[in-house]
């Protein structure tokens, strides 16, 4: 994308690109949340600290 932008300006995302980016991030967040819930139900995580760490990472996504 930078090869098409003038050298004196910062490259910017179009509105369509922003919508797609947000949609993709929301989809990734939902998948991660589902995996986390499945792991909690199957007792894959024994320590609460591991769960809290993963939830923080999920919130930062």
N, C-alpha and C. Protein backbone atom coordinates (compact mmCIF):
# COMPACT_ATOMS: atom_id res chain seq x y z
N UNK A 1 0.82 -1.18 0.00
CA UNK A 1 0.00 0.00 0.00
C UNK A 1 0.86 1.25 0.00
N UNK A 2 2.03 1.19 0.62
CA UNK A 2 2.88 2.37 0.71
C UNK A 2 3.44 2.78 -0.64
N UNK A 3 3.53 1.83 -1.58
CA UNK A 3 4.06 2.20 -2.89
C UNK A 3 3.11 3.10 -3.67
N UNK A 4 1.83 3.13 -3.29
CA UNK A 4 0.86 3.97 -3.98
C UNK A 4 0.64 5.30 -3.28
N UNK A 5 1.09 5.43 -2.05
CA UNK A 5 0.90 6.66 -1.29
C UNK A 5 2.03 7.63 -1.60
N UNK A 6 1.69 8.90 -1.65
CA UNK A 6 2.75 9.90 -1.85
C UNK A 6 3.75 9.86 -0.70
N UNK A 7 4.98 10.17 -0.97
CA UNK A 7 6.05 10.09 0.02
C UNK A 7 5.84 11.06 1.17
N UNK A 8 5.15 12.15 0.97
CA UNK A 8 5.00 13.15 2.00
C UNK A 8 3.80 12.91 2.93
N UNK A 9 3.01 11.89 2.68
CA UNK A 9 1.86 11.64 3.56
C UNK A 9 1.90 10.22 4.12
N UNK A 10 1.28 10.05 5.25
CA UNK A 10 1.20 8.74 5.86
C UNK A 10 0.11 7.93 5.16
N UNK A 11 0.34 6.66 4.93
CA UNK A 11 -0.71 5.83 4.32
C UNK A 11 -1.89 5.70 5.28
N UNK A 12 -3.09 5.74 4.74
CA UNK A 12 -4.29 5.66 5.56
C UNK A 12 -5.18 4.56 5.02
N UNK A 13 -5.97 3.99 5.90
CA UNK A 13 -6.91 2.96 5.50
C UNK A 13 -8.21 3.62 5.03
N UNK A 14 -8.81 3.03 4.03
CA UNK A 14 -10.10 3.51 3.58
C UNK A 14 -11.17 3.03 4.56
N UNK A 15 -12.37 3.57 4.46
CA UNK A 15 -13.45 3.16 5.35
C UNK A 15 -13.77 1.69 5.19
N UNK A 16 -13.72 1.20 3.96
CA UNK A 16 -14.00 -0.22 3.72
C UNK A 16 -12.92 -1.10 4.36
N UNK A 17 -11.67 -0.67 4.29
CA UNK A 17 -10.59 -1.42 4.91
C UNK A 17 -10.73 -1.44 6.42
N UNK A 18 -11.15 -0.33 7.01
CA UNK A 18 -11.35 -0.26 8.46
C UNK A 18 -12.48 -1.18 8.87
N UNK A 19 -13.59 -1.17 8.12
CA UNK A 19 -14.71 -2.06 8.44
C UNK A 19 -14.30 -3.52 8.37
N UNK A 20 -13.54 -3.89 7.34
CA UNK A 20 -13.07 -5.27 7.19
C UNK A 20 -12.13 -5.64 8.33
N UNK A 21 -11.25 -4.72 8.69
CA UNK A 21 -10.30 -4.97 9.79
C UNK A 21 -11.06 -5.21 11.10
N UNK A 22 -12.04 -4.37 11.38
CA UNK A 22 -12.82 -4.51 12.61
C UNK A 22 -13.62 -5.80 12.59
N UNK A 23 -14.21 -6.14 11.45
CA UNK A 23 -14.98 -7.37 11.32
C UNK A 23 -14.09 -8.59 11.55
N UNK A 24 -12.89 -8.57 10.98
CA UNK A 24 -11.95 -9.68 11.16
C UNK A 24 -11.49 -9.80 12.61
N UNK A 25 -11.25 -8.67 13.28
CA UNK A 25 -10.83 -8.69 14.67
C UNK A 25 -11.95 -9.21 15.57
N UNK A 26 -13.19 -8.81 15.31
CA UNK A 26 -14.32 -9.30 16.09
C UNK A 26 -14.50 -10.80 15.90
N UNK A 27 -14.31 -11.28 14.68
CA UNK A 27 -14.42 -12.71 14.41
C UNK A 27 -13.33 -13.48 15.16
N UNK A 28 -12.12 -12.97 15.14
CA UNK A 28 -11.01 -13.61 15.84
C UNK A 28 -11.26 -13.60 17.34
N UNK A 29 -11.83 -12.51 17.87
CA UNK A 29 -12.12 -12.42 19.29
C UNK A 29 -13.19 -13.44 19.69
N UNK A 30 -14.21 -13.59 18.87
CA UNK A 30 -15.27 -14.56 19.16
C UNK A 30 -14.73 -15.98 19.17
N UNK A 31 -13.89 -16.31 18.20
CA UNK A 31 -13.29 -17.64 18.14
C UNK A 31 -12.42 -17.90 19.37
N UNK A 32 -11.65 -16.92 19.76
CA UNK A 32 -10.79 -17.06 20.94
C UNK A 32 -11.62 -17.22 22.20
N UNK A 33 -12.72 -16.47 22.29
CA UNK A 33 -13.59 -16.58 23.46
C UNK A 33 -14.23 -17.97 23.52
N UNK A 34 -14.65 -18.50 22.39
CA UNK A 34 -15.22 -19.85 22.35
C UNK A 34 -14.20 -20.90 22.79
N UNK A 35 -12.96 -20.77 22.31
CA UNK A 35 -11.92 -21.71 22.69
C UNK A 35 -11.63 -21.62 24.18
N UNK A 36 -11.66 -20.41 24.73
CA UNK A 36 -11.41 -20.23 26.15
C UNK A 36 -12.53 -20.86 26.97
N UNK A 37 -13.77 -20.67 26.56
CA UNK A 37 -14.89 -21.27 27.28
C UNK A 37 -14.82 -22.80 27.22
N UNK A 38 -14.47 -23.32 26.05
CA UNK A 38 -14.35 -24.77 25.90
C UNK A 38 -13.24 -25.31 26.80
N UNK A 39 -12.14 -24.58 26.89
CA UNK A 39 -11.02 -25.01 27.73
C UNK A 39 -11.40 -24.96 29.21
N UNK A 40 -12.18 -23.95 29.59
CA UNK A 40 -12.63 -23.86 30.98
C UNK A 40 -13.52 -25.04 31.34
N UNK A 41 -14.42 -25.39 30.43
CA UNK A 41 -15.36 -26.48 30.70
C UNK A 41 -14.65 -27.84 30.77
N UNK A 42 -13.59 -28.01 30.01
CA UNK A 42 -12.89 -29.29 30.00
C UNK A 42 -11.77 -29.35 31.05
N UNK A 43 -11.70 -28.35 31.91
CA UNK A 43 -10.70 -28.29 32.97
C UNK A 43 -9.28 -28.34 32.42
N UNK A 44 -9.10 -27.77 31.24
CA UNK A 44 -7.77 -27.73 30.64
C UNK A 44 -6.85 -26.80 31.42
N UNK A 45 -7.43 -25.77 32.02
CA UNK A 45 -6.65 -24.83 32.80
C UNK A 45 -6.95 -25.06 34.27
N UNK A 46 -5.95 -25.46 35.02
CA UNK A 46 -6.13 -25.72 36.44
C UNK A 46 -5.93 -24.46 37.27
N UNK A 47 -5.11 -23.58 36.79
CA UNK A 47 -4.80 -22.39 37.57
C UNK A 47 -5.60 -21.20 37.07
N UNK A 48 -6.14 -20.43 38.00
CA UNK A 48 -6.89 -19.24 37.64
C UNK A 48 -6.00 -18.18 37.00
N UNK A 49 -4.74 -18.20 37.37
CA UNK A 49 -3.81 -17.21 36.84
C UNK A 49 -3.66 -17.37 35.32
N UNK A 50 -3.61 -18.60 34.85
CA UNK A 50 -3.51 -18.83 33.41
C UNK A 50 -4.74 -18.29 32.70
N UNK A 51 -5.90 -18.52 33.27
CA UNK A 51 -7.15 -18.05 32.68
C UNK A 51 -7.18 -16.52 32.65
N UNK A 52 -6.77 -15.89 33.74
CA UNK A 52 -6.75 -14.43 33.79
C UNK A 52 -5.80 -13.86 32.75
N UNK A 53 -4.66 -14.49 32.57
CA UNK A 53 -3.68 -14.03 31.58
C UNK A 53 -4.27 -14.12 30.18
N UNK A 54 -4.93 -15.22 29.87
CA UNK A 54 -5.54 -15.38 28.55
C UNK A 54 -6.67 -14.40 28.35
N UNK A 55 -7.46 -14.13 29.39
CA UNK A 55 -8.55 -13.17 29.26
C UNK A 55 -8.02 -11.76 29.03
N UNK A 56 -6.90 -11.42 29.67
CA UNK A 56 -6.30 -10.11 29.44
C UNK A 56 -5.82 -9.99 28.01
N UNK A 57 -5.19 -11.03 27.48
CA UNK A 57 -4.73 -11.03 26.10
C UNK A 57 -5.91 -10.90 25.15
N UNK A 58 -7.00 -11.56 25.49
CA UNK A 58 -8.20 -11.50 24.67
C UNK A 58 -8.78 -10.09 24.67
N UNK A 59 -8.78 -9.43 25.81
CA UNK A 59 -9.28 -8.06 25.89
C UNK A 59 -8.41 -7.09 25.10
N UNK A 60 -7.12 -7.37 25.02
CA UNK A 60 -6.22 -6.50 24.28
C UNK A 60 -6.31 -6.71 22.77
N UNK A 61 -6.96 -7.75 22.35
CA UNK A 61 -7.09 -8.05 20.93
C UNK A 61 -7.88 -7.08 20.17
